[in-house]
């Protein structure tokens, strides 16, 4: 007997339908407050139809479109869960690439091959010549790369602060 579309689903049903391990769904609950299954005694989860749709959107953005978790969180924050669900159902245009673009970094934040070389002996000494690959083929790949760049920049800032506090 098949459940109605409005019925609540167990974590096993959702995981099987989405071809994901159950622990991935539990992890996503910790990262996306928009996903809030009902929990019964003993911690058994029951996903509402809205939760299942949000999970489908998260899965598609992460696995099919190449967004990072941070990128999907940003999309939820900037566009809202309802806007993402509407876009996923086709009632809105697809996600703009600009929604995932990183904030503009100051020009001196990243080393530039065209800029002046740092002084000898500094941490960012002359960079070796790099062979750059051809540009990504799709907007989704560009969006994913932008997200990675933001994460690298944030990690660099955390390291800089940590080193300053440790000295």
C-alpha atoms as a PDB file:
ATOM      1  CA  UNK A   1       0.000   0.000   0.000  1.00  0.00           C
ATOM      2  CA  UNK A   2       1.451   3.342  -1.044  1.00  0.00           C
ATOM      3  CA  UNK A   3       1.346   6.442   1.143  1.00  0.00           C
ATOM      4  CA  UNK A   4      -0.399   9.599   0.038  1.00  0.00           C
ATOM      5  CA  UNK A   5       1.810  12.532  -1.053  1.00  0.00           C
ATOM      6  CA  UNK A   6       0.837  14.403   2.146  1.00  0.00           C
ATOM      7  CA  UNK A   7       1.942  11.565   4.457  1.00  0.00           C
ATOM      8  CA  UNK A   8       4.962  11.911   6.696  1.00  0.00           C
ATOM      9  CA  UNK A   9       7.993   9.800   5.767  1.00  0.00           C
ATOM     10  CA  UNK A  10      10.530   8.021   7.915  1.00  0.00           C
ATOM     11  CA  UNK A  11      14.221   8.720   7.486  1.00  0.00           C
ATOM     12  CA  UNK A  12      14.631   5.331   5.805  1.00  0.00           C
ATOM     13  CA  UNK A  13      11.916   6.110   3.254  1.00  0.00           C
ATOM     14  CA  UNK A  14      13.423   9.505   2.441  1.00  0.00           C
ATOM     15  CA  UNK A  15      16.983   8.161   2.280  1.00  0.00           C
ATOM     16  CA  UNK A  16      15.935   5.317  -0.030  1.00  0.00           C
ATOM     17  CA  UNK A  17      13.910   7.626  -2.279  1.00  0.00           C
ATOM     18  CA  UNK A  18      16.826  10.063  -2.590  1.00  0.00           C
ATOM     19  CA  UNK A  19      19.506   7.360  -2.828  1.00  0.00           C
ATOM     20  CA  UNK A  20      21.389   8.781   0.164  1.00  0.00           C
ATOM     21  CA  UNK A  21      22.631   7.291   3.424  1.00  0.00           C
ATOM     22  CA  UNK A  22      20.550   8.199   6.475  1.00  0.00           C
ATOM     23  CA  UNK A  23      23.507   9.849   8.193  1.00  0.00           C
ATOM     24  CA  UNK A  24      23.705  12.390   5.359  1.00  0.00           C
ATOM     25  CA  UNK A  25      20.107  13.466   6.050  1.00  0.00           C
ATOM     26  CA  UNK A  26      20.851  13.793   9.766  1.00  0.00           C
ATOM     27  CA  UNK A  27      23.957  15.857   8.947  1.00  0.00           C
ATOM     28  CA  UNK A  28      21.983  18.157   6.648  1.00  0.00           C
ATOM     29  CA  UNK A  29      19.523  18.774   9.491  1.00  0.00           C
ATOM     30  CA  UNK A  30      22.418  20.246  11.476  1.00  0.00           C
ATOM     31  CA  UNK A  31      23.441  22.530   8.609  1.00  0.00           C
ATOM     32  CA  UNK A  32      20.029  23.649   7.325  1.00  0.00           C
ATOM     33  CA  UNK A  33      17.571  24.861   9.982  1.00  0.00           C
ATOM     34  CA  UNK A  34      14.898  24.911   7.267  1.00  0.00           C
ATOM     35  CA  UNK A  35      14.794  21.099   7.504  1.00  0.00           C
ATOM     36  CA  UNK A  36      13.014  20.198  10.727  1.00  0.00           C
ATOM     37  CA  UNK A  37      11.546  16.701  10.839  1.00  0.00           C
ATOM     38  CA  UNK A  38       9.077  15.868  13.545  1.00  0.00           C
ATOM     39  CA  UNK A  39      10.757  13.750  16.228  1.00  0.00           C
ATOM     40  CA  UNK A  40       8.741  11.268  18.243  1.00  0.00           C
ATOM     41  CA  UNK A  41       9.645   9.480  21.452  1.00  0.00           C
ATOM     42  CA  UNK A  42      12.919   7.641  21.039  1.00  0.00           C
ATOM     43  CA  UNK A  43      14.146  10.160  18.473  1.00  0.00           C
ATOM     44  CA  UNK A  44      12.361   8.624  15.473  1.00  0.00           C
ATOM     45  CA  UNK A  45      12.182  11.185  12.659  1.00  0.00           C
ATOM     46  CA  UNK A  46       9.161  11.873  10.492  1.00  0.00           C
ATOM     47  CA  UNK A  47       9.719  14.158   7.531  1.00  0.00           C
ATOM     48  CA  UNK A  48       6.895  16.409   6.391  1.00  0.00           C
ATOM     49  CA  UNK A  49       6.342  16.801   2.624  1.00  0.00           C
ATOM     50  CA  UNK A  50       7.925  20.290   2.826  1.00  0.00           C
ATOM     51  CA  UNK A  51      11.003  18.838   4.525  1.00  0.00           C
ATOM     52  CA  UNK A  52      11.317  16.212   1.778  1.00  0.00           C
ATOM     53  CA  UNK A  53      11.115  18.909  -0.908  1.00  0.00           C
ATOM     54  CA  UNK A  54      13.767  20.997   0.855  1.00  0.00           C
ATOM     55  CA  UNK A  55      15.990  17.926   1.048  1.00  0.00           C
ATOM     56  CA  UNK A  56      15.511  17.372  -2.693  1.00  0.00           C
ATOM     57  CA  UNK A  57      16.552  20.968  -3.370  1.00  0.00           C
ATOM     58  CA  UNK A  58      19.621  20.623  -1.123  1.00  0.00           C
ATOM     59  CA  UNK A  59      20.581  17.347  -2.804  1.00  0.00           C
ATOM     60  CA  UNK A  60      20.226  18.834  -6.286  1.00  0.00           C
ATOM     61  CA  UNK A  61      22.231  21.949  -5.420  1.00  0.00           C
ATOM     62  CA  UNK A  62      25.026  19.986  -3.762  1.00  0.00           C
ATOM     63  CA  UNK A  63      25.279  16.986  -6.054  1.00  0.00           C
ATOM     64  CA  UNK A  64      23.958  18.141  -9.423  1.00  0.00           C
ATOM     65  CA  UNK A  65      24.854  21.839  -9.494  1.00  0.00           C
ATOM     66  CA  UNK A  66      28.108  21.672  -7.520  1.00  0.00           C
ATOM     67  CA  UNK A  67      27.314  24.119  -4.717  1.00  0.00           C
ATOM     68  CA  UNK A  68      29.067  23.799  -1.377  1.00  0.00           C
ATOM     69  CA  UNK A  69      27.146  23.527   1.881  1.00  0.00           C
ATOM     70  CA  UNK A  70      28.050  27.126   2.611  1.00  0.00           C
ATOM     71  CA  UNK A  71      26.791  28.123  -0.838  1.00  0.00           C
ATOM     72  CA  UNK A  72      23.454  26.393  -0.325  1.00  0.00           C
ATOM     73  CA  UNK A  73      23.142  28.005   3.109  1.00  0.00           C
ATOM     74  CA  UNK A  74      23.727  31.374   1.458  1.00  0.00           C
ATOM     75  CA  UNK A  75      21.051  30.656  -1.158  1.00  0.00           C
ATOM     76  CA  UNK A  76      18.553  29.716   1.560  1.00  0.00           C
ATOM     77  CA  UNK A  77      19.443  32.887   3.458  1.00  0.00           C
ATOM     78  CA  UNK A  78      19.337  35.230   0.457  1.00  0.00           C
ATOM     79  CA  UNK A  79      16.420  33.745  -1.471  1.00  0.00           C
ATOM     80  CA  UNK A  80      14.486  31.950   1.261  1.00  0.00           C
ATOM     81  CA  UNK A  81      13.282  28.375   1.350  1.00  0.00           C
ATOM     82  CA  UNK A  82      10.050  29.124  -0.516  1.00  0.00           C
ATOM     83  CA  UNK A  83      11.904  30.812  -3.382  1.00  0.00           C
ATOM     84  CA  UNK A  84      14.244  27.834  -3.736  1.00  0.00           C
ATOM     85  CA  UNK A  85      11.329  25.404  -3.688  1.00  0.00           C
ATOM     86  CA  UNK A  86       9.523  27.475  -6.317  1.00  0.00           C
ATOM     87  CA  UNK A  87      12.639  27.544  -8.499  1.00  0.00           C
ATOM     88  CA  UNK A  88      13.038  23.793  -8.114  1.00  0.00           C
ATOM     89  CA  UNK A  89       9.434  23.178  -9.191  1.00  0.00           C
ATOM     90  CA  UNK A  90       9.902  25.332 -12.285  1.00  0.00           C
ATOM     91  CA  UNK A  91       7.577  28.152 -11.303  1.00  0.00           C
ATOM     92  CA  UNK A  92      10.529  30.555 -11.130  1.00  0.00           C
ATOM     93  CA  UNK A  93      13.575  31.031 -13.317  1.00  0.00           C
ATOM     94  CA  UNK A  94      16.639  28.952 -12.385  1.00  0.00           C
ATOM     95  CA  UNK A  95      19.075  30.194  -9.774  1.00  0.00           C
ATOM     96  CA  UNK A  96      21.166  33.134 -10.904  1.00  0.00           C
ATOM     97  CA  UNK A  97      24.900  32.550 -10.772  1.00  0.00           C
ATOM     98  CA  UNK A  98      25.319  35.935  -9.089  1.00  0.00           C
ATOM     99  CA  UNK A  99      23.476  34.646  -6.003  1.00  0.00           C
ATOM    100  CA  UNK A 100      26.478  32.483  -5.192  1.00  0.00           C
ATOM    101  CA  UNK A 101      29.150  34.996  -6.132  1.00  0.00           C
ATOM    102  CA  UNK A 102      31.590  35.848  -3.351  1.00  0.00           C
ATOM    103  CA  UNK A 103      31.834  39.336  -1.959  1.00  0.00           C
ATOM    104  CA  UNK A 104      34.404  41.435  -3.735  1.00  0.00           C
ATOM    105  CA  UNK A 105      37.793  41.069  -2.105  1.00  0.00           C
ATOM    106  CA  UNK A 106      40.234  43.938  -1.816  1.00  0.00           C
ATOM    107  CA  UNK A 107      42.748  43.911  -4.643  1.00  0.00           C
ATOM    108  CA  UNK A 108      45.645  43.129  -2.319  1.00  0.00           C
ATOM    109  CA  UNK A 109      43.906  40.099  -0.757  1.00  0.00           C
ATOM    110  CA  UNK A 110      45.049  37.681  -3.428  1.00  0.00           C
ATOM    111  CA  UNK A 111      48.499  37.438  -4.984  1.00  0.00           C
ATOM    112  CA  UNK A 112      48.531  38.564  -8.577  1.00  0.00           C
ATOM    113  CA  UNK A 113      50.984  37.497 -11.215  1.00  0.00           C
ATOM    114  CA  UNK A 114      50.719  40.961 -12.753  1.00  0.00           C
ATOM    115  CA  UNK A 115      51.321  42.865  -9.506  1.00  0.00           C
ATOM    116  CA  UNK A 116      54.639  43.673  -7.881  1.00  0.00           C
ATOM    117  CA  UNK A 117      56.432  40.775  -6.213  1.00  0.00           C
ATOM    118  CA  UNK A 118      56.573  40.835  -2.405  1.00  0.00           C
ATOM    119  CA  UNK A 119      59.862  41.544  -0.712  1.00  0.00           C
ATOM    120  CA  UNK A 120      62.282  38.638  -0.512  1.00  0.00           C
ATOM    121  CA  UNK A 121      61.849  36.556   2.623  1.00  0.00           C
ATOM    122  CA  UNK A 122      58.183  37.403   3.149  1.00  0.00           C
ATOM    123  CA  UNK A 123      55.548  34.731   3.561  1.00  0.00           C
ATOM    124  CA  UNK A 124      54.136  35.349   0.098  1.00  0.00           C
ATOM    125  CA  UNK A 125      57.469  35.331  -1.707  1.00  0.00           C
ATOM    126  CA  UNK A 126      57.559  35.119  -5.477  1.00  0.00           C
ATOM    127  CA  UNK A 127      55.065  32.591  -6.736  1.00  0.00           C
ATOM    128  CA  UNK A 128      56.178  29.881  -9.141  1.00  0.00           C
ATOM    129  CA  UNK A 129      54.842  30.091 -12.676  1.00  0.00           C
ATOM    130  CA  UNK A 130      51.539  28.229 -12.910  1.00  0.00           C
ATOM    131  CA  UNK A 131      49.837  26.655 -15.871  1.00  0.00           C
ATOM    132  CA  UNK A 132      46.171  27.662 -15.748  1.00  0.00           C
ATOM    133  CA  UNK A 133      43.571  25.239 -17.089  1.00  0.00           C
ATOM    134  CA  UNK A 134      41.010  26.313 -19.618  1.00  0.00           C
ATOM    135  CA  UNK A 135      38.020  28.142 -18.099  1.00  0.00           C
ATOM    136  CA  UNK A 136      35.173  25.998 -16.696  1.00  0.00           C
ATOM    137  CA  UNK A 137      32.565  25.000 -19.221  1.00  0.00           C
ATOM    138  CA  UNK A 138      29.431  25.920 -17.286  1.00  0.00           C
ATOM    139  CA  UNK A 139      27.960  28.555 -15.017  1.00  0.00           C
ATOM    140  CA  UNK A 140      27.483  25.908 -12.318  1.00  0.00           C
ATOM    141  CA  UNK A 141      31.202  25.148 -12.318  1.00  0.00           C
ATOM    142  CA  UNK A 142      31.999  28.847 -12.053  1.00  0.00           C
ATOM    143  CA  UNK A 143      29.596  29.197  -9.125  1.00  0.00           C
ATOM    144  CA  UNK A 144      31.199  26.224  -7.381  1.00  0.00           C
ATOM    145  CA  UNK A 145      34.672  27.683  -7.908  1.00  0.00           C
ATOM    146  CA  UNK A 146      33.552  31.043  -6.538  1.00  0.00           C
ATOM    147  CA  UNK A 147      32.253  29.323  -3.403  1.00  0.00           C
ATOM    148  CA  UNK A 148      35.547  27.483  -2.971  1.00  0.00           C
ATOM    149  CA  UNK A 149      37.426  30.768  -3.338  1.00  0.00           C
ATOM    150  CA  UNK A 150      35.279  32.356  -0.624  1.00  0.00           C
ATOM    151  CA  UNK A 151      35.932  29.407   1.683  1.00  0.00           C
ATOM    152  CA  UNK A 152      39.677  29.587   1.055  1.00  0.00           C
ATOM    153  CA  UNK A 153      39.669  33.313   1.773  1.00  0.00           C
ATOM    154  CA  UNK A 154      37.701  32.762   5.000  1.00  0.00           C
ATOM    155  CA  UNK A 155      40.096  29.998   6.065  1.00  0.00           C
ATOM    156  CA  UNK A 156      43.032  32.298   5.378  1.00  0.00           C
ATOM    157  CA  UNK A 157      41.476  34.991   7.590  1.00  0.00           C
ATOM    158  CA  UNK A 158      40.913  32.474  10.396  1.00  0.00           C
ATOM    159  CA  UNK A 159      44.527  31.291  10.145  1.00  0.00           C
ATOM    160  CA  UNK A 160      45.821  34.861  10.187  1.00  0.00           C
ATOM    161  CA  UNK A 161      43.787  35.679  13.308  1.00  0.00           C
ATOM    162  CA  UNK A 162      44.864  32.447  14.981  1.00  0.00           C
ATOM    163  CA  UNK A 163      48.531  33.115  14.289  1.00  0.00           C
ATOM    164  CA  UNK A 164      48.203  36.679  15.574  1.00  0.00           C
ATOM    165  CA  UNK A 165      46.652  35.457  18.837  1.00  0.00           C
ATOM    166  CA  UNK A 166      49.241  32.702  19.278  1.00  0.00           C
ATOM    167  CA  UNK A 167      52.274  35.019  18.948  1.00  0.00           C
END
